[in-house]
Amino acid sequence: MSLIVKEVVSLIKPVAQKENISLEVSMDSNFPDTAYGDESKVRQVLVNFVHNAVKFTDEDSVTVSTIVDSDSDDEVGSILGQ
């Protein structure tokens, strides 16, 4: 999963640079490497999410952050945009 996040950020980074927006990733070291589900659909959702964050931000930077819910019994990861 972390590889998909990094790939998506690398894909969208040139778009952000054209708009003079810094695009960064902050990865939780406990974020799971694997996920259950359709990899291509997860990738497409992330592309849309990150592209929209860049497209609609009023700031000069966007950070894609991954976190792990420490209150959960399962290893549940979340992806946030700031």
C-alpha atoms as a PDB file:
ATOM      1  CA  MET A   1       0.000   0.000   0.000  1.00  0.00           C
ATOM      2  CA  SER A   2       2.796   2.418   0.833  1.00  0.00           C
ATOM      3  CA  LEU A   3       4.273   1.783  -2.621  1.00  0.00           C
ATOM      4  CA  ILE A   4       0.973   2.783  -4.253  1.00  0.00           C
ATOM      5  CA  VAL A   5       0.911   6.030  -2.259  1.00  0.00           C
ATOM      6  CA  LYS A   6       4.462   6.864  -3.322  1.00  0.00           C
ATOM      7  CA  GLU A   7       3.722   6.006  -6.971  1.00  0.00           C
ATOM      8  CA  VAL A   8       0.629   8.230  -7.002  1.00  0.00           C
ATOM      9  CA  VAL A   9       2.508  11.155  -5.457  1.00  0.00           C
ATOM     10  CA  SER A  10       5.275  10.725  -8.059  1.00  0.00           C
ATOM     11  CA  LEU A  11       2.648  10.723 -10.802  1.00  0.00           C
ATOM     12  CA  ILE A  12       0.950  13.932  -9.587  1.00  0.00           C
ATOM     13  CA  LYS A  13       4.132  15.779  -8.558  1.00  0.00           C
ATOM     14  CA  PRO A  14       4.757  17.299 -12.045  1.00  0.00           C
ATOM     15  CA  VAL A  15       1.213  18.718 -12.012  1.00  0.00           C
ATOM     16  CA  ALA A  16       1.871  20.269  -8.606  1.00  0.00           C
ATOM     17  CA  GLN A  17       5.203  21.697  -9.730  1.00  0.00           C
ATOM     18  CA  LYS A  18       3.533  23.409 -12.702  1.00  0.00           C
ATOM     19  CA  GLU A  19       1.277  25.174 -10.204  1.00  0.00           C
ATOM     20  CA  ASN A  20       4.224  25.978  -7.876  1.00  0.00           C
ATOM     21  CA  ILE A  21       2.769  23.678  -5.214  1.00  0.00           C
ATOM     22  CA  SER A  22       5.007  21.491  -3.094  1.00  0.00           C
ATOM     23  CA  LEU A  23       3.693  17.900  -2.883  1.00  0.00           C
ATOM     24  CA  GLU A  24       5.069  15.839  -0.017  1.00  0.00           C
ATOM     25  CA  VAL A  25       4.426  12.460   1.625  1.00  0.00           C
ATOM     26  CA  SER A  26       4.485  11.720   5.335  1.00  0.00           C
ATOM     27  CA  MET A  27       4.415   7.947   5.888  1.00  0.00           C
ATOM     28  CA  ASP A  28       3.683   6.332   9.248  1.00  0.00           C
ATOM     29  CA  SER A  29       6.386   3.691   9.712  1.00  0.00           C
ATOM     30  CA  ASN A  30       3.672   1.243  10.850  1.00  0.00           C
ATOM     31  CA  PHE A  31       1.513   1.804   7.769  1.00  0.00           C
ATOM     32  CA  PRO A  32       0.763  -1.608   6.221  1.00  0.00           C
ATOM     33  CA  ASP A  33       2.523  -2.584   2.998  1.00  0.00           C
ATOM     34  CA  THR A  34      -0.418  -4.686   1.878  1.00  0.00           C
ATOM     35  CA  ALA A  35      -4.115  -3.966   1.604  1.00  0.00           C
ATOM     36  CA  TYR A  36      -7.148  -6.024   0.780  1.00  0.00           C
ATOM     37  CA  GLY A  37      -9.048  -4.940  -2.278  1.00  0.00           C
ATOM     38  CA  ASP A  38      -8.699  -4.058  -5.921  1.00  0.00           C
ATOM     39  CA  GLU A  39      -5.281  -2.434  -6.339  1.00  0.00           C
ATOM     40  CA  SER A  40      -6.245  -0.574  -9.514  1.00  0.00           C
ATOM     41  CA  LYS A  41      -9.334   0.929  -7.874  1.00  0.00           C
ATOM     42  CA  VAL A  42      -7.369   1.984  -4.794  1.00  0.00           C
ATOM     43  CA  ARG A  43      -4.766   3.581  -7.067  1.00  0.00           C
ATOM     44  CA  GLN A  44      -7.465   5.430  -9.055  1.00  0.00           C
ATOM     45  CA  VAL A  45      -9.128   6.746  -5.884  1.00  0.00           C
ATOM     46  CA  LEU A  46      -5.748   7.982  -4.638  1.00  0.00           C
ATOM     47  CA  VAL A  47      -4.936   9.624  -7.979  1.00  0.00           C
ATOM     48  CA  ASN A  48      -8.266  11.464  -7.858  1.00  0.00           C
ATOM     49  CA  PHE A  49      -7.800  12.383  -4.187  1.00  0.00           C
ATOM     50  CA  VAL A  50      -4.266  13.741  -4.581  1.00  0.00           C
ATOM     51  CA  HIS A  51      -4.963  15.452  -7.907  1.00  0.00           C
ATOM     52  CA  ASN A  52      -8.001  17.228  -6.410  1.00  0.00           C
ATOM     53  CA  ALA A  53      -5.974  18.249  -3.371  1.00  0.00           C
ATOM     54  CA  VAL A  54      -3.412  19.885  -5.677  1.00  0.00           C
ATOM     55  CA  LYS A  55      -6.046  21.350  -7.980  1.00  0.00           C
ATOM     56  CA  PHE A  56      -8.200  22.934  -5.280  1.00  0.00           C
ATOM     57  CA  THR A  57      -5.700  23.964  -2.595  1.00  0.00           C
ATOM     58  CA  ASP A  58      -5.309  27.627  -1.660  1.00  0.00           C
ATOM     59  CA  GLU A  59      -1.977  26.822  -0.041  1.00  0.00           C
ATOM     60  CA  ASP A  60       1.496  26.465  -1.523  1.00  0.00           C
ATOM     61  CA  SER A  61       1.855  22.849  -0.438  1.00  0.00           C
ATOM     62  CA  VAL A  62      -0.057  19.588  -0.133  1.00  0.00           C
ATOM     63  CA  THR A  63       1.008  16.771   2.176  1.00  0.00           C
ATOM     64  CA  VAL A  64      -0.309  13.243   1.788  1.00  0.00           C
ATOM     65  CA  SER A  65      -0.080  11.599   5.202  1.00  0.00           C
ATOM     66  CA  THR A  66      -0.570   7.959   6.118  1.00  0.00           C
ATOM     67  CA  ILE A  67      -1.420   6.946   9.663  1.00  0.00           C
ATOM     68  CA  VAL A  68      -2.278   3.761  11.512  1.00  0.00           C
ATOM     69  CA  ASP A  69      -5.238   3.713  13.896  1.00  0.00           C
ATOM     70  CA  SER A  70      -3.590   2.665  17.157  1.00  0.00           C
ATOM     71  CA  ASP A  71      -7.005   2.287  18.841  1.00  0.00           C
ATOM     72  CA  SER A  72      -8.016  -0.505  16.467  1.00  0.00           C
ATOM     73  CA  ASP A  73      -7.364  -4.193  17.077  1.00  0.00           C
ATOM     74  CA  ASP A  74      -6.603  -4.563  13.365  1.00  0.00           C
ATOM     75  CA  GLU A  75      -3.874  -2.777  11.457  1.00  0.00           C
ATOM     76  CA  VAL A  76      -6.048  -0.093   9.894  1.00  0.00           C
ATOM     77  CA  GLY A  77      -4.319   2.541   7.818  1.00  0.00           C
ATOM     78  CA  SER A  78      -5.702   5.895   6.739  1.00  0.00           C
ATOM     79  CA  ILE A  79      -4.554   8.333   4.109  1.00  0.00           C
ATOM     80  CA  LEU A  80      -5.064  12.035   4.727  1.00  0.00           C
ATOM     81  CA  GLY A  81      -4.450  15.119   2.669  1.00  0.00           C
ATOM     82  CA  GLN A  82      -3.493  18.458   4.142  1.00  0.00           C
END
